[in-house]
């Protein structure tokens, strides 16, 4: 019997970001693709992240019941900046886990080819808290200029300017350079986090923007004991719809 070609294929996707060390408390449903948009780690000034912290997160990702797992780092993820090569070497043992740092990959999931670019890109703002993967305007421009056009999925730690990027003071904290380039890049999905207060999904100009932050908003959101639900949906790549 021939397969009915009119039946649209879909992928079960879960997006998470900004767990800040609490990823073990997430109960993920499993599916085709798990995307983590950074800040898996908790960073405290008196608590140094170790290589083992990064390896434990990679092991946790590997155990999740998804065909492919892809992650980028965030501004609190010292371990992935400090131990880049050791992390990549360890991931050889986890072929379904991909770490992207300003990189492009092409993967296949259930017969669907996906072009994906991932970056820790975010807008750095002066703060008392130490941050990592800091990038100025010039380096952010270089990153954005190297993002291929007509992507299926773009993953960055921070949002673009003006979409799901408002903090608790109602200030837009996204990247204007990325905003100016997004109409050229034209990703079907853009997954990010960083701004906890704006978790949600929005479609604009045929791009689904997904702020996947899971931590509760508020002044002490990095250390909150409450988690929002992860963002899980069906995605139909053919017409770029989600449900």
C-alpha atoms as a PDB file:
ATOM      1  CA  UNK A   1       0.000   0.000   0.000  1.00  0.00           C
ATOM      2  CA  UNK A   2       1.347   3.413  -0.942  1.00  0.00           C
ATOM      3  CA  UNK A   3       1.730   6.017   1.769  1.00  0.00           C
ATOM      4  CA  UNK A   4      -0.722   8.903   1.427  1.00  0.00           C
ATOM      5  CA  UNK A   5       1.513  11.804   0.362  1.00  0.00           C
ATOM      6  CA  UNK A   6      -1.190  14.316   1.336  1.00  0.00           C
ATOM      7  CA  UNK A   7      -0.672  13.493   5.018  1.00  0.00           C
ATOM      8  CA  UNK A   8       1.716  16.076   6.425  1.00  0.00           C
ATOM      9  CA  UNK A   9       4.614  14.852   8.511  1.00  0.00           C
ATOM     10  CA  UNK A  10       5.150  16.434  11.892  1.00  0.00           C
ATOM     11  CA  UNK A  11       7.856  16.323  14.549  1.00  0.00           C
ATOM     12  CA  UNK A  12       7.327  16.255  18.298  1.00  0.00           C
ATOM     13  CA  UNK A  13       9.622  19.007  19.633  1.00  0.00           C
ATOM     14  CA  UNK A  14      10.407  20.109  23.181  1.00  0.00           C
ATOM     15  CA  UNK A  15      12.239  23.387  23.845  1.00  0.00           C
ATOM     16  CA  UNK A  16      13.845  24.319  27.175  1.00  0.00           C
ATOM     17  CA  UNK A  17      16.163  27.067  28.356  1.00  0.00           C
ATOM     18  CA  UNK A  18      17.447  28.695  31.543  1.00  0.00           C
ATOM     19  CA  UNK A  19      17.193  25.739  33.895  1.00  0.00           C
ATOM     20  CA  UNK A  20      20.059  27.130  36.004  1.00  0.00           C
ATOM     21  CA  UNK A  21      21.089  23.773  37.419  1.00  0.00           C
ATOM     22  CA  UNK A  22      17.536  22.462  37.900  1.00  0.00           C
ATOM     23  CA  UNK A  23      17.256  20.378  34.727  1.00  0.00           C
ATOM     24  CA  UNK A  24      16.945  17.142  36.710  1.00  0.00           C
ATOM     25  CA  UNK A  25      13.558  18.333  37.959  1.00  0.00           C
ATOM     26  CA  UNK A  26      12.114  18.492  34.463  1.00  0.00           C
ATOM     27  CA  UNK A  27       9.876  15.607  33.410  1.00  0.00           C
ATOM     28  CA  UNK A  28      10.116  15.676  29.635  1.00  0.00           C
ATOM     29  CA  UNK A  29       7.651  13.697  27.496  1.00  0.00           C
ATOM     30  CA  UNK A  30      10.076  12.454  24.842  1.00  0.00           C
ATOM     31  CA  UNK A  31       9.714  12.884  21.100  1.00  0.00           C
ATOM     32  CA  UNK A  32      11.716  13.633  17.992  1.00  0.00           C
ATOM     33  CA  UNK A  33      13.805  16.681  18.917  1.00  0.00           C
ATOM     34  CA  UNK A  34      14.862  18.319  22.192  1.00  0.00           C
ATOM     35  CA  UNK A  35      16.322  21.828  21.958  1.00  0.00           C
ATOM     36  CA  UNK A  36      18.074  23.560  24.867  1.00  0.00           C
ATOM     37  CA  UNK A  37      18.798  27.262  24.329  1.00  0.00           C
ATOM     38  CA  UNK A  38      21.390  27.716  27.062  1.00  0.00           C
ATOM     39  CA  UNK A  39      21.911  28.397  30.767  1.00  0.00           C
ATOM     40  CA  UNK A  40      21.665  24.797  31.850  1.00  0.00           C
ATOM     41  CA  UNK A  41      24.065  25.608  34.680  1.00  0.00           C
ATOM     42  CA  UNK A  42      23.700  27.503  37.950  1.00  0.00           C
ATOM     43  CA  UNK A  43      26.433  30.093  38.410  1.00  0.00           C
ATOM     44  CA  UNK A  44      27.173  31.517  41.837  1.00  0.00           C
ATOM     45  CA  UNK A  45      30.198  33.680  42.597  1.00  0.00           C
ATOM     46  CA  UNK A  46      31.367  31.299  45.342  1.00  0.00           C
ATOM     47  CA  UNK A  47      30.592  28.106  43.423  1.00  0.00           C
ATOM     48  CA  UNK A  48      32.980  27.256  40.593  1.00  0.00           C
ATOM     49  CA  UNK A  49      31.551  25.137  37.788  1.00  0.00           C
ATOM     50  CA  UNK A  50      33.563  22.001  37.095  1.00  0.00           C
ATOM     51  CA  UNK A  51      34.005  19.859  34.011  1.00  0.00           C
ATOM     52  CA  UNK A  52      31.860  17.264  35.761  1.00  0.00           C
ATOM     53  CA  UNK A  53      28.942  19.717  35.857  1.00  0.00           C
ATOM     54  CA  UNK A  54      29.011  19.935  32.084  1.00  0.00           C
ATOM     55  CA  UNK A  55      29.443  16.190  31.652  1.00  0.00           C
ATOM     56  CA  UNK A  56      26.487  15.481  33.936  1.00  0.00           C
ATOM     57  CA  UNK A  57      24.279  17.737  31.830  1.00  0.00           C
ATOM     58  CA  UNK A  58      25.394  15.987  28.636  1.00  0.00           C
ATOM     59  CA  UNK A  59      24.665  12.621  30.238  1.00  0.00           C
ATOM     60  CA  UNK A  60      21.214  13.862  31.301  1.00  0.00           C
ATOM     61  CA  UNK A  61      20.515  15.018  27.740  1.00  0.00           C
ATOM     62  CA  UNK A  62      21.592  11.664  26.379  1.00  0.00           C
ATOM     63  CA  UNK A  63      19.081   9.878  28.623  1.00  0.00           C
ATOM     64  CA  UNK A  64      16.141  11.953  27.403  1.00  0.00           C
ATOM     65  CA  UNK A  65      13.847  10.006  25.094  1.00  0.00           C
ATOM     66  CA  UNK A  66      14.301  12.063  21.918  1.00  0.00           C
ATOM     67  CA  UNK A  67      15.771  11.048  18.576  1.00  0.00           C
ATOM     68  CA  UNK A  68      18.068  14.086  18.585  1.00  0.00           C
ATOM     69  CA  UNK A  69      19.103  16.510  21.328  1.00  0.00           C
ATOM     70  CA  UNK A  70      20.707  19.857  20.450  1.00  0.00           C
ATOM     71  CA  UNK A  71      21.969  22.532  22.825  1.00  0.00           C
ATOM     72  CA  UNK A  72      23.808  25.840  22.939  1.00  0.00           C
ATOM     73  CA  UNK A  73      25.431  27.540  25.913  1.00  0.00           C
ATOM     74  CA  UNK A  74      24.295  30.687  27.696  1.00  0.00           C
ATOM     75  CA  UNK A  75      25.785  33.537  29.671  1.00  0.00           C
ATOM     76  CA  UNK A  76      25.857  31.474  32.898  1.00  0.00           C
ATOM     77  CA  UNK A  77      27.508  28.427  31.323  1.00  0.00           C
ATOM     78  CA  UNK A  78      31.159  28.857  32.267  1.00  0.00           C
ATOM     79  CA  UNK A  79      31.773  25.123  31.942  1.00  0.00           C
ATOM     80  CA  UNK A  80      31.132  25.108  28.182  1.00  0.00           C
ATOM     81  CA  UNK A  81      33.453  28.055  27.625  1.00  0.00           C
ATOM     82  CA  UNK A  82      36.230  26.753  29.867  1.00  0.00           C
ATOM     83  CA  UNK A  83      36.106  23.064  28.903  1.00  0.00           C
ATOM     84  CA  UNK A  84      35.019  23.262  25.262  1.00  0.00           C
ATOM     85  CA  UNK A  85      37.308  20.540  23.897  1.00  0.00           C
ATOM     86  CA  UNK A  86      36.735  18.147  26.781  1.00  0.00           C
ATOM     87  CA  UNK A  87      32.964  18.474  26.370  1.00  0.00           C
ATOM     88  CA  UNK A  88      33.186  17.843  22.628  1.00  0.00           C
ATOM     89  CA  UNK A  89      35.381  14.797  23.194  1.00  0.00           C
ATOM     90  CA  UNK A  90      32.889  13.387  25.692  1.00  0.00           C
ATOM     91  CA  UNK A  91      30.002  13.898  23.260  1.00  0.00           C
ATOM     92  CA  UNK A  92      31.565  11.339  20.908  1.00  0.00           C
ATOM     93  CA  UNK A  93      29.988   8.796  23.262  1.00  0.00           C
ATOM     94  CA  UNK A  94      26.576  10.453  22.865  1.00  0.00           C
ATOM     95  CA  UNK A  95      25.904  10.564  19.098  1.00  0.00           C
ATOM     96  CA  UNK A  96      22.336  11.849  19.533  1.00  0.00           C
ATOM     97  CA  UNK A  97      23.544  14.924  21.476  1.00  0.00           C
ATOM     98  CA  UNK A  98      24.840  17.909  19.499  1.00  0.00           C
ATOM     99  CA  UNK A  99      26.539  21.005  20.957  1.00  0.00           C
ATOM    100  CA  UNK A 100      26.574  24.073  18.710  1.00  0.00           C
ATOM    101  CA  UNK A 101      28.729  27.157  19.234  1.00  0.00           C
ATOM    102  CA  UNK A 102      28.253  29.399  16.198  1.00  0.00           C
ATOM    103  CA  UNK A 103      27.907  26.250  14.084  1.00  0.00           C
ATOM    104  CA  UNK A 104      25.644  24.830  11.401  1.00  0.00           C
ATOM    105  CA  UNK A 105      24.538  21.218  11.093  1.00  0.00           C
ATOM    106  CA  UNK A 106      22.253  19.235   8.825  1.00  0.00           C
ATOM    107  CA  UNK A 107      20.459  16.321  10.468  1.00  0.00           C
ATOM    108  CA  UNK A 108      17.708  13.908   9.505  1.00  0.00           C
ATOM    109  CA  UNK A 109      14.857  12.940  11.801  1.00  0.00           C
ATOM    110  CA  UNK A 110      12.303  10.407  10.586  1.00  0.00           C
ATOM    111  CA  UNK A 111      13.002  11.224   6.959  1.00  0.00           C
ATOM    112  CA  UNK A 112      12.892  15.008   7.490  1.00  0.00           C
ATOM    113  CA  UNK A 113      16.074  16.944   6.711  1.00  0.00           C
ATOM    114  CA  UNK A 114      16.717  19.865   9.076  1.00  0.00           C
ATOM    115  CA  UNK A 115      19.211  22.692   8.686  1.00  0.00           C
ATOM    116  CA  UNK A 116      20.064  24.086  12.110  1.00  0.00           C
ATOM    117  CA  UNK A 117      22.365  26.857  13.351  1.00  0.00           C
ATOM    118  CA  UNK A 118      23.166  27.330  17.041  1.00  0.00           C
ATOM    119  CA  UNK A 119      24.938  30.097  18.955  1.00  0.00           C
ATOM    120  CA  UNK A 120      25.318  31.369  22.541  1.00  0.00           C
ATOM    121  CA  UNK A 121      24.601  34.852  21.161  1.00  0.00           C
ATOM    122  CA  UNK A 122      22.941  37.291  23.568  1.00  0.00           C
ATOM    123  CA  UNK A 123      23.178  41.005  24.324  1.00  0.00           C
ATOM    124  CA  UNK A 124      25.637  41.590  27.148  1.00  0.00           C
ATOM    125  CA  UNK A 125      24.647  44.216  29.678  1.00  0.00           C
ATOM    126  CA  UNK A 126      26.905  45.442  32.462  1.00  0.00           C
ATOM    127  CA  UNK A 127      26.012  43.659  35.672  1.00  0.00           C
ATOM    128  CA  UNK A 128      27.579  42.685  38.965  1.00  0.00           C
ATOM    129  CA  UNK A 129      27.088  39.030  38.076  1.00  0.00           C
ATOM    130  CA  UNK A 130      29.887  37.431  36.043  1.00  0.00           C
ATOM    131  CA  UNK A 131      28.847  36.321  32.555  1.00  0.00           C
ATOM    132  CA  UNK A 132      30.367  34.193  29.800  1.00  0.00           C
ATOM    133  CA  UNK A 133      30.411  34.039  26.005  1.00  0.00           C
ATOM    134  CA  UNK A 134      30.411  37.851  26.091  1.00  0.00           C
ATOM    135  CA  UNK A 135      30.146  39.404  22.635  1.00  0.00           C
ATOM    136  CA  UNK A 136      30.313  43.021  21.529  1.00  0.00           C
ATOM    137  CA  UNK A 137      28.439  44.457  18.543  1.00  0.00           C
ATOM    138  CA  UNK A 138      31.233  43.581  16.114  1.00  0.00           C
ATOM    139  CA  UNK A 139      31.429  39.940  17.163  1.00  0.00           C
ATOM    140  CA  UNK A 140      27.623  39.610  17.171  1.00  0.00           C
ATOM    141  CA  UNK A 141      27.592  41.023  13.632  1.00  0.00           C
ATOM    142  CA  UNK A 142      30.177  38.424  12.574  1.00  0.00           C
ATOM    143  CA  UNK A 143      28.093  35.632  14.088  1.00  0.00           C
ATOM    144  CA  UNK A 144      24.885  36.830  12.454  1.00  0.00           C
ATOM    145  CA  UNK A 145      26.592  37.291   9.075  1.00  0.00           C
ATOM    146  CA  UNK A 146      27.645  33.634   9.155  1.00  0.00           C
ATOM    147  CA  UNK A 147      24.146  32.287   9.751  1.00  0.00           C
ATOM    148  CA  UNK A 148      22.915  30.574   6.551  1.00  0.00           C
ATOM    149  CA  UNK A 149      19.725  31.789   4.920  1.00  0.00           C
ATOM    150  CA  UNK A 150      16.483  29.793   4.795  1.00  0.00           C
ATOM    151  CA  UNK A 151      17.232  27.808   7.924  1.00  0.00           C
ATOM    152  CA  UNK A 152      14.790  25.378   9.407  1.00  0.00           C
ATOM    153  CA  UNK A 153      15.819  26.101  13.003  1.00  0.00           C
ATOM    154  CA  UNK A 154      17.876  28.901  14.547  1.00  0.00           C
ATOM    155  CA  UNK A 155      18.918  28.497  18.192  1.00  0.00           C
ATOM    156  CA  UNK A 156      20.415  31.405  20.143  1.00  0.00           C
ATOM    157  CA  UNK A 157      20.619  31.959  23.875  1.00  0.00           C
ATOM    158  CA  UNK A 158      19.172  35.451  23.673  1.00  0.00           C
ATOM    159  CA  UNK A 159      16.214  36.790  21.686  1.00  0.00           C
ATOM    160  CA  UNK A 160      16.190  39.224  18.835  1.00  0.00           C
ATOM    161  CA  UNK A 161      15.043  42.742  19.644  1.00  0.00           C
ATOM    162  CA  UNK A 162      11.332  43.332  20.019  1.00  0.00           C
ATOM    163  CA  UNK A 163       9.973  39.768  20.177  1.00  0.00           C
ATOM    164  CA  UNK A 164       9.504  37.959  23.500  1.00  0.00           C
ATOM    165  CA  UNK A 165      12.375  39.998  24.942  1.00  0.00           C
ATOM    166  CA  UNK A 166      10.779  42.236  27.615  1.00  0.00           C
ATOM    167  CA  UNK A 167      12.190  41.977  31.140  1.00  0.00           C
ATOM    168  CA  UNK A 168      10.409  42.708  34.415  1.00  0.00           C
ATOM    169  CA  UNK A 169      10.887  46.449  33.832  1.00  0.00           C
ATOM    170  CA  UNK A 170       9.215  46.141  30.404  1.00  0.00           C
ATOM    171  CA  UNK A 171      12.495  46.896  28.626  1.00  0.00           C
ATOM    172  CA  UNK A 172      13.345  45.130  25.352  1.00  0.00           C
ATOM    173  CA  UNK A 173      16.592  43.250  25.902  1.00  0.00           C
ATOM    174  CA  UNK A 174      16.998  41.508  22.547  1.00  0.00           C
ATOM    175  CA  UNK A 175      19.661  41.846  19.866  1.00  0.00           C
ATOM    176  CA  UNK A 176      19.002  44.565  17.282  1.00  0.00           C
ATOM    177  CA  UNK A 177      21.639  43.117  14.937  1.00  0.00           C
ATOM    178  CA  UNK A 178      19.761  39.819  14.876  1.00  0.00           C
ATOM    179  CA  UNK A 179      16.464  41.638  14.416  1.00  0.00           C
ATOM    180  CA  UNK A 180      17.782  43.420  11.329  1.00  0.00           C
ATOM    181  CA  UNK A 181      19.038  40.153   9.822  1.00  0.00           C
ATOM    182  CA  UNK A 182      16.129  37.846  10.631  1.00  0.00           C
ATOM    183  CA  UNK A 183      14.156  38.704   7.485  1.00  0.00           C
ATOM    184  CA  UNK A 184      17.159  37.544   5.433  1.00  0.00           C
ATOM    185  CA  UNK A 185      17.890  34.442   7.499  1.00  0.00           C
ATOM    186  CA  UNK A 186      14.202  33.420   7.430  1.00  0.00           C
ATOM    187  CA  UNK A 187      14.291  30.544   9.945  1.00  0.00           C
ATOM    188  CA  UNK A 188      11.104  28.558  10.354  1.00  0.00           C
ATOM    189  CA  UNK A 189      11.741  28.238  14.086  1.00  0.00           C
ATOM    190  CA  UNK A 190      13.838  30.568  16.242  1.00  0.00           C
ATOM    191  CA  UNK A 191      14.352  29.116  19.722  1.00  0.00           C
ATOM    192  CA  UNK A 192      15.909  31.171  22.527  1.00  0.00           C
ATOM    193  CA  UNK A 193      15.587  32.035  26.213  1.00  0.00           C
ATOM    194  CA  UNK A 194      17.594  34.370  28.496  1.00  0.00           C
ATOM    195  CA  UNK A 195      14.693  36.717  29.249  1.00  0.00           C
ATOM    196  CA  UNK A 196      12.663  34.600  31.644  1.00  0.00           C
ATOM    197  CA  UNK A 197       9.764  37.034  31.875  1.00  0.00           C
ATOM    198  CA  UNK A 198       8.845  36.643  28.189  1.00  0.00           C
ATOM    199  CA  UNK A 199       8.471  32.871  27.924  1.00  0.00           C
ATOM    200  CA  UNK A 200       6.048  31.983  25.144  1.00  0.00           C
ATOM    201  CA  UNK A 201       5.487  31.518  21.401  1.00  0.00           C
ATOM    202  CA  UNK A 202       4.801  34.102  18.694  1.00  0.00           C
ATOM    203  CA  UNK A 203       4.668  33.906  14.908  1.00  0.00           C
ATOM    204  CA  UNK A 204       5.739  36.837  12.774  1.00  0.00           C
ATOM    205  CA  UNK A 205       6.593  36.933   9.056  1.00  0.00           C
ATOM    206  CA  UNK A 206       6.374  33.126   8.844  1.00  0.00           C
ATOM    207  CA  UNK A 207       8.880  32.535  11.652  1.00  0.00           C
ATOM    208  CA  UNK A 208       7.816  30.848  14.885  1.00  0.00           C
ATOM    209  CA  UNK A 209       9.648  32.574  17.742  1.00  0.00           C
ATOM    210  CA  UNK A 210       9.911  30.494  20.903  1.00  0.00           C
ATOM    211  CA  UNK A 211      11.190  31.814  24.229  1.00  0.00           C
ATOM    212  CA  UNK A 212      11.710  28.509  26.037  1.00  0.00           C
ATOM    213  CA  UNK A 213      12.785  29.764  29.487  1.00  0.00           C
ATOM    214  CA  UNK A 214      11.557  27.400  32.187  1.00  0.00           C
ATOM    215  CA  UNK A 215      12.417  29.287  35.381  1.00  0.00           C
ATOM    216  CA  UNK A 216       9.850  31.394  37.204  1.00  0.00           C
ATOM    217  CA  UNK A 217      10.124  35.125  36.546  1.00  0.00           C
ATOM    218  CA  UNK A 218      11.053  37.534  39.278  1.00  0.00           C
ATOM    219  CA  UNK A 219      14.007  39.285  40.846  1.00  0.00           C
ATOM    220  CA  UNK A 220      15.552  36.013  42.072  1.00  0.00           C
ATOM    221  CA  UNK A 221      14.511  33.897  39.102  1.00  0.00           C
ATOM    222  CA  UNK A 222      17.940  32.276  38.750  1.00  0.00           C
ATOM    223  CA  UNK A 223      17.505  30.541  42.088  1.00  0.00           C
ATOM    224  CA  UNK A 224      13.749  29.953  42.117  1.00  0.00           C
ATOM    225  CA  UNK A 225      12.357  26.600  43.237  1.00  0.00           C
ATOM    226  CA  UNK A 226       9.443  26.852  40.776  1.00  0.00           C
ATOM    227  CA  UNK A 227       9.625  25.768  37.152  1.00  0.00           C
ATOM    228  CA  UNK A 228       7.380  26.686  34.270  1.00  0.00           C
ATOM    229  CA  UNK A 229       6.237  23.932  31.953  1.00  0.00           C
ATOM    230  CA  UNK A 230       8.609  23.082  29.127  1.00  0.00           C
ATOM    231  CA  UNK A 231       7.471  24.135  25.653  1.00  0.00           C
ATOM    232  CA  UNK A 232       6.318  21.041  23.748  1.00  0.00           C
ATOM    233  CA  UNK A 233       4.482  21.029  20.428  1.00  0.00           C
ATOM    234  CA  UNK A 234       3.927  19.325  17.106  1.00  0.00           C
ATOM    235  CA  UNK A 235       5.716  21.071  14.252  1.00  0.00           C
ATOM    236  CA  UNK A 236       4.721  20.594  10.605  1.00  0.00           C
ATOM    237  CA  UNK A 237       7.821  21.656   8.600  1.00  0.00           C
ATOM    238  CA  UNK A 238       5.996  21.618   5.277  1.00  0.00           C
ATOM    239  CA  UNK A 239       3.785  24.595   6.123  1.00  0.00           C
ATOM    240  CA  UNK A 240       5.663  25.716   9.245  1.00  0.00           C
ATOM    241  CA  UNK A 241       2.684  25.394  11.567  1.00  0.00           C
ATOM    242  CA  UNK A 242       2.755  24.292  15.195  1.00  0.00           C
ATOM    243  CA  UNK A 243       0.102  22.932  17.511  1.00  0.00           C
END
